[in-house]
Each structure stands twice: as C-alpha cells, then as structure tokens.
Amino acid sequence: MMKGRILKMKSIISTPIQYHLPIGDKLVHMNPLIGKNIKFNFEGEIICLDCGKLTKKSFNQGFCFVCFKNSPMAAECIIKPELCRAHIGEGRDIEWEKKHHLKDHYVYLAISSGVKVGITRDTQIPTRWIDQGASCAVPIAKTPNRFLCGMIEVYLKQFVSDRTAWQRMLKNDITYEDLSEKRNSLIKLIPKKYNDYILKNEKIISLKYPVNKYPNKIKSLNFNNTPLIEGTLVGIKGQYLIFDEGKVLNIRKHQAYVLNFSSDN
C-alpha cells in the first residue's frame, strides 16, 4: 500500500511502451501489473499542480480555481496555441512562457483513432504521441515558437481533424491511412508564408502499447463518482488504464488527486 498525489504516467518508448505512475515521491512501474488486480482509493484530497495547496475541486486536470485562472500552465494557449502571445512579450508569466513557448515546436500528423493534426514542444516528442494513444506519427513542420505552430495547425484543421475519438482509440478501432501520402498532400495546402518551416523527410514513428485485451465497450471511471476503483489491469494505452469488463481510468484527468494504491504481488 502506498499513498500520494498522482501525476500523469511517464512513458518510455520501447516495444511495448513502458509506463511508470508517479505516486507521491514513488514511481510505480505499471507494465508488470498487467494481468494483476490493482486498487485505488480516493479520500477527497486534491493538491494543486501549481501552488501545491489543497483544493476541493480540480480544474483543467489538476489546478485549484485560482491557478486555473492565473497560472501560465493553465492558460488558454495551452489548448489553443494560436492564441499564444509569448512571441510579442505577453502572457500570464512571460518568464515561464519564454522557457516553454519560445522554443521549437512541431506540427505533426498522428493516427490514434484516425488521422489527426496536432502540435507539441520539441521536448515532448514522442511523449505527446504516446499520451494520445497514437499508433504512428510524423512531424510535418518545425517552428521557433508555439504561436506559429498554432497558426499552421489552425489552417490544416480545415482538412484534417485535431481530435481523437478516445473510445475508438481504446477499443483499437482505428482507421489507418498512409501517413507519408497524407503528409505530402497536406504540405501542398500549407500557405507559402510557412514554407520555411516545412519538414519533408521525417521518419514515421510506430508505437505499440501493452494491452492484453482491448474492450468491446467502454465504461469510463471517475474518482468523484467512484472513490474506490479496483479490478484486473488488462492494458495501458495513452494515459488510460484499461481494466477488465471494459472499465477505463483516465490518469491524466485525475492528476493532483491523492490516492491510496495497492496491487497483487
């Protein structure tokens, strides 16, 4: 038995992906627990990801209300990068923005449920793709800041989705396309003013997840409704733990929750 605040799972690219769950100051290697019974118990404590204070409710996957409103980690441009203002010296915390948003960013294509477009910071490749449960992915553009990446993504969203159908991803119900062909066709549509950022020779990365059995139907679990969650772990994909009977738990959604955790040895 151990107790602590959880964060999203850390992943290591291998075949299959290796997952570690941070619980307090511990890192629990989750892959060896597949096929075993695991148990989480939530007693009502949530510790904000930014200020570290106790909060009764989690906002935006782990923040108290004050930090949700004021922290650069919860700014609108995290979800909508085209709204980023760091390149003009503005933001909730310009020093934080410089460290995280005035860095190389990539526009990419990935297949999780189907082809989607997205962006990520250079240090988050391939973590971002793994967190989304992508089966394969490839960069298509590299920019010196978050704003430019966001502008290219906004344009490409006219032609390809920026969403993952997470239920289909977890059921492994995937619509595959040739990413090389898709990349080449989309590159031709990108406005010429972004030509200097285009990448044409990047390799496609394939990813395999530790899943013994994919569910036919999905039942999403939530600690606010079900404080005690337990069952046989049958797989891990994206940031989801997949249990028997089609039950799934989104770990990232429950970042900052303080949980008791135990497993069969």
Protein backbone atom coordinates (compact mmCIF):
# COMPACT_ATOMS: atom_id res chain seq x y z
CA MET A 1 0.00 0.00 0.00
CA MET A 2 1.24 3.50 -0.80
CA LYS A 3 -0.35 6.93 -0.72
CA GLY A 4 0.42 10.15 -2.57
CA ARG A 5 -0.58 12.69 -5.19
CA ILE A 6 -0.58 11.19 -8.65
CA LEU A 7 0.65 12.79 -11.86
CA LYS A 8 0.21 11.64 -15.42
CA MET A 9 2.10 8.49 -16.28
CA LYS A 10 5.67 8.78 -17.51
CA SER A 11 6.39 6.76 -20.63
CA ILE A 12 9.49 5.25 -22.17
CA ILE A 13 9.46 4.38 -25.85
CA SER A 14 10.12 0.68 -26.34
CA THR A 15 8.19 -2.32 -27.66
CA PRO A 16 5.77 -2.13 -25.99
CA ILE A 17 5.72 1.32 -24.32
CA GLN A 18 6.82 1.20 -20.68
CA TYR A 19 4.69 3.15 -18.20
CA HIS A 20 5.50 4.49 -14.73
CA LEU A 21 2.88 6.10 -12.49
CA PRO A 22 4.13 8.85 -10.12
CA ILE A 23 2.52 8.47 -6.69
CA GLY A 24 3.94 10.96 -4.21
CA ASP A 25 7.72 10.51 -4.38
CA LYS A 26 7.44 6.99 -5.83
CA LEU A 27 7.39 5.76 -9.43
CA VAL A 28 5.34 2.61 -9.93
CA HIS A 29 6.24 0.53 -12.98
CA MET A 30 2.80 -0.36 -14.32
CA ASN A 31 3.64 -2.87 -17.07
CA PRO A 32 4.41 -5.73 -14.63
CA LEU A 33 0.98 -5.17 -13.05
CA ILE A 34 -0.92 -6.06 -16.24
CA GLY A 35 -2.89 -9.21 -15.51
CA LYS A 36 -2.99 -8.42 -11.79
CA ASN A 37 -5.59 -6.84 -9.53
CA ILE A 38 -4.91 -3.20 -8.61
CA LYS A 39 -6.80 -0.85 -6.32
CA PHE A 40 -7.08 2.93 -5.97
CA ASN A 41 -8.90 4.70 -3.16
CA PHE A 42 -9.66 8.45 -3.18
CA GLU A 43 -10.40 10.06 0.19
CA GLY A 44 -11.14 13.59 -1.05
CA GLU A 45 -7.70 15.26 -1.11
CA ILE A 46 -6.57 17.14 -4.23
CA ILE A 47 -3.28 19.08 -4.26
CA CYS A 48 -2.98 21.79 -6.96
CA LEU A 49 -0.34 21.09 -9.61
CA ASP A 50 0.97 24.66 -9.46
CA CYS A 51 0.63 26.23 -6.00
CA GLY A 52 0.55 22.93 -4.09
CA LYS A 53 -2.44 23.89 -1.94
CA LEU A 54 -5.34 21.62 -1.10
CA THR A 55 -8.39 22.18 -3.29
CA LYS A 56 -11.87 20.68 -3.05
CA LYS A 57 -12.24 20.56 -6.83
CA SER A 58 -9.83 20.02 -9.71
CA PHE A 59 -9.97 22.43 -12.64
CA ASN A 60 -8.36 21.69 -16.01
CA GLN A 61 -6.80 18.38 -14.91
CA GLY A 62 -5.22 19.33 -11.61
CA PHE A 63 -5.42 23.04 -10.74
CA CYS A 64 -7.19 24.91 -7.96
CA PHE A 65 -9.54 27.64 -9.18
CA VAL A 66 -7.06 30.49 -8.55
CA CYS A 67 -4.29 28.77 -10.53
CA PHE A 68 -6.76 27.76 -13.25
CA LYS A 69 -7.43 31.48 -13.69
CA ASN A 70 -3.86 32.75 -13.29
CA SER A 71 -1.24 30.06 -13.87
CA PRO A 72 0.60 30.03 -17.23
CA MET A 73 0.32 26.23 -17.03
CA ALA A 74 -3.46 26.59 -17.44
CA ALA A 75 -3.52 29.45 -19.94
CA GLU A 76 -5.89 29.35 -22.91
CA CYS A 77 -2.99 28.99 -25.33
CA ILE A 78 -2.19 25.56 -23.87
CA ILE A 79 -5.34 24.32 -25.61
CA LYS A 80 -5.38 26.91 -28.41
CA PRO A 81 -1.75 27.61 -29.34
CA GLU A 82 -2.79 30.14 -31.98
CA LEU A 83 -3.68 32.44 -29.05
CA CYS A 84 -0.14 32.38 -27.63
CA ARG A 85 1.36 35.87 -27.17
CA ALA A 86 4.81 34.96 -25.88
CA HIS A 87 6.43 35.97 -29.18
CA ILE A 88 5.25 39.56 -28.58
CA GLY A 89 6.34 39.55 -24.94
CA GLU A 90 2.93 38.96 -23.41
CA GLY A 91 1.42 36.18 -21.30
CA ARG A 92 0.39 35.21 -17.78
CA ASP A 93 4.06 34.77 -16.81
CA ILE A 94 6.44 35.87 -19.54
CA GLU A 95 9.48 34.16 -17.98
CA TRP A 96 7.60 30.84 -17.91
CA GLU A 97 6.39 31.50 -21.46
CA LYS A 98 9.96 32.07 -22.66
CA LYS A 99 11.04 28.72 -21.23
CA HIS A 100 8.13 26.76 -22.65
CA HIS A 101 6.59 28.62 -25.61
CA LEU A 102 9.53 30.44 -27.20
CA LYS A 103 11.06 27.08 -28.01
CA ASP A 104 10.99 24.84 -31.06
CA HIS A 105 7.52 23.35 -31.62
CA TYR A 106 6.36 20.76 -34.12
CA VAL A 107 3.19 20.33 -36.12
CA TYR A 108 2.56 16.62 -36.56
CA LEU A 109 0.19 14.06 -38.01
CA ALA A 110 -0.77 11.06 -35.91
CA ILE A 111 -3.15 8.13 -36.11
CA SER A 112 -4.90 7.38 -32.84
CA SER A 113 -8.50 6.68 -33.93
CA GLY A 114 -7.94 8.20 -37.36
CA VAL A 115 -5.56 10.78 -38.82
CA LYS A 116 -5.31 13.94 -36.73
CA VAL A 117 -3.14 17.05 -36.68
CA GLY A 118 -1.56 18.40 -33.53
CA ILE A 119 1.35 20.40 -32.14
CA THR A 120 3.88 19.79 -29.39
CA ARG A 121 7.07 21.23 -27.91
CA ASP A 122 10.28 19.60 -29.13
CA THR A 123 10.97 18.05 -25.73
CA GLN A 124 7.56 16.31 -25.80
CA ILE A 125 8.32 14.06 -28.78
CA PRO A 126 7.36 11.20 -28.63
CA THR A 127 5.68 11.68 -25.20
CA ARG A 128 2.81 13.68 -26.68
CA TRP A 129 2.03 10.95 -29.21
CA ILE A 130 2.14 8.24 -26.56
CA ASP A 131 -0.17 10.26 -24.27
CA GLN A 132 -2.72 10.39 -27.10
CA GLY A 133 -2.50 6.67 -27.78
CA ALA A 134 -1.20 7.22 -31.30
CA SER A 135 -0.32 4.10 -33.29
CA CYS A 136 2.02 6.11 -35.51
CA ALA A 137 3.03 9.73 -36.01
CA VAL A 138 5.27 12.00 -38.05
CA PRO A 139 6.29 15.70 -37.79
CA ILE A 140 5.39 17.90 -40.76
CA ALA A 141 6.62 21.35 -39.65
CA LYS A 142 9.01 22.87 -37.11
CA THR A 143 8.66 26.45 -35.85
CA PRO A 144 10.62 28.58 -33.35
CA ASN A 145 7.59 29.27 -31.14
CA ARG A 146 4.16 27.98 -30.14
CA PHE A 147 2.18 30.69 -31.95
CA LEU A 148 3.47 29.82 -35.43
CA CYS A 149 2.79 26.14 -34.86
CA GLY A 150 -0.72 27.02 -33.78
CA MET A 151 -1.33 29.06 -36.92
CA ILE A 152 -0.26 26.17 -39.17
CA GLU A 153 -2.43 23.77 -37.18
CA VAL A 154 -5.46 26.06 -37.45
CA TYR A 155 -5.05 26.14 -41.22
CA LEU A 156 -4.69 22.35 -41.51
CA LYS A 157 -7.78 21.77 -39.36
CA GLN A 158 -9.78 22.68 -42.46
CA PHE A 159 -8.64 19.40 -44.00
CA VAL A 160 -7.96 17.02 -41.09
CA SER A 161 -9.34 16.69 -37.55
CA ASP A 162 -7.44 17.80 -34.46
CA ARG A 163 -9.44 15.42 -32.26
CA THR A 164 -9.03 11.85 -31.06
CA ALA A 165 -12.10 9.67 -30.70
CA TRP A 166 -10.82 8.26 -27.41
CA GLN A 167 -13.39 5.47 -27.17
CA ARG A 168 -12.34 4.16 -30.59
CA MET A 169 -8.68 4.53 -29.67
CA LEU A 170 -9.20 2.42 -26.54
CA LYS A 171 -11.14 -0.24 -28.47
CA ASN A 172 -8.35 -0.27 -31.07
CA ASP A 173 -10.98 0.65 -33.66
CA ILE A 174 -8.60 2.56 -35.87
CA THR A 175 -8.94 3.96 -39.38
CA TYR A 176 -5.50 3.73 -40.92
CA GLU A 177 -4.17 5.88 -43.75
CA ASP A 178 -0.77 6.17 -45.38
CA LEU A 179 0.84 8.93 -43.30
CA SER A 180 3.52 9.62 -45.92
CA GLU A 181 0.91 10.18 -48.59
CA LYS A 182 -1.27 12.23 -46.23
CA ARG A 183 1.67 14.37 -45.17
CA ASN A 184 2.65 15.09 -48.76
CA SER A 185 -0.88 16.07 -49.73
CA LEU A 186 -1.29 18.39 -46.73
CA ILE A 187 2.09 20.06 -47.20
CA LYS A 188 0.91 21.24 -50.62
CA LEU A 189 -2.00 23.03 -48.94
CA ILE A 190 0.02 24.94 -46.34
CA PRO A 191 0.29 28.67 -47.22
CA LYS A 192 3.60 29.66 -48.80
CA LYS A 193 4.44 32.06 -45.94
CA TYR A 194 5.07 28.97 -43.80
CA ASN A 195 7.27 27.16 -46.34
CA ASP A 196 10.47 27.70 -44.34
CA TYR A 197 9.06 25.58 -41.53
CA ILE A 198 8.01 22.55 -43.59
CA LEU A 199 9.65 19.16 -42.91
CA LYS A 200 9.56 16.66 -45.76
CA ASN A 201 11.87 13.81 -44.81
CA GLU A 202 10.90 12.91 -41.26
CA LYS A 203 10.51 9.24 -40.42
CA ILE A 204 7.19 7.82 -39.34
CA ILE A 205 7.33 6.53 -35.76
CA SER A 206 5.26 3.45 -34.88
CA LEU A 207 4.16 2.80 -31.31
CA LYS A 208 2.95 -0.37 -29.61
CA TYR A 209 1.09 -0.43 -26.31
CA PRO A 210 1.00 -3.02 -23.51
CA VAL A 211 -2.57 -4.27 -23.92
CA ASN A 212 -3.58 -7.90 -23.40
CA LYS A 213 -7.18 -7.35 -24.46
CA TYR A 214 -9.00 -4.41 -25.98
CA PRO A 215 -12.56 -3.81 -24.73
CA ASN A 216 -15.63 -4.03 -26.96
CA LYS A 217 -17.49 -1.46 -24.87
CA ILE A 218 -16.09 1.37 -22.76
CA LYS A 219 -17.12 2.38 -19.25
CA SER A 220 -15.24 5.44 -18.05
CA LEU A 221 -14.40 5.61 -14.33
CA ASN A 222 -14.21 8.78 -12.23
CA PHE A 223 -12.99 9.13 -8.64
CA ASN A 224 -15.60 11.80 -7.89
CA ASN A 225 -18.34 9.25 -8.52
CA THR A 226 -16.44 6.08 -7.59
CA PRO A 227 -13.85 6.74 -4.85
CA LEU A 228 -12.80 3.08 -4.78
CA ILE A 229 -11.64 1.75 -8.14
CA GLU A 230 -10.24 -1.75 -8.47
CA GLY A 231 -10.04 -4.55 -10.97
CA THR A 232 -7.74 -6.61 -13.14
CA LEU A 233 -5.49 -4.39 -15.23
CA VAL A 234 -5.57 -5.71 -18.81
CA GLY A 235 -3.68 -2.94 -20.58
CA ILE A 236 -2.44 0.63 -20.81
CA LYS A 237 -2.85 2.96 -23.76
CA GLY A 238 -2.42 6.70 -23.95
CA GLN A 239 -2.97 7.89 -20.38
CA TYR A 240 -5.65 5.27 -19.75
CA LEU A 241 -5.56 2.21 -17.55
CA ILE A 242 -7.77 -0.49 -19.08
CA PHE A 243 -9.46 -2.85 -16.64
CA ASP A 244 -11.49 -5.99 -17.17
CA GLU A 245 -15.14 -5.57 -18.18
CA GLY A 246 -14.29 -2.55 -20.36
CA LYS A 247 -13.66 -0.17 -17.46
CA VAL A 248 -11.10 2.57 -18.17
CA LEU A 249 -9.47 5.20 -15.99
CA ASN A 250 -8.00 8.40 -17.42
CA ILE A 251 -4.96 9.06 -15.24
CA ARG A 252 -4.23 12.49 -16.70
CA LYS A 253 -7.75 13.67 -15.90
CA HIS A 254 -7.10 12.79 -12.25
CA GLN A 255 -3.70 14.44 -11.86
CA ALA A 256 -3.31 16.06 -8.43
CA TYR A 257 -5.65 13.56 -6.72
CA VAL A 258 -4.19 11.98 -3.58
CA LEU A 259 -4.76 8.23 -3.78
CA ASN A 260 -4.11 5.09 -1.83
CA PHE A 261 -2.74 2.44 -4.19
CA SER A 262 -2.18 -1.28 -3.80
CA SER A 263 -1.72 -4.27 -6.08
CA ASP A 264 -1.42 -8.04 -6.03
CA ASN A 265 2.20 -9.14 -5.79
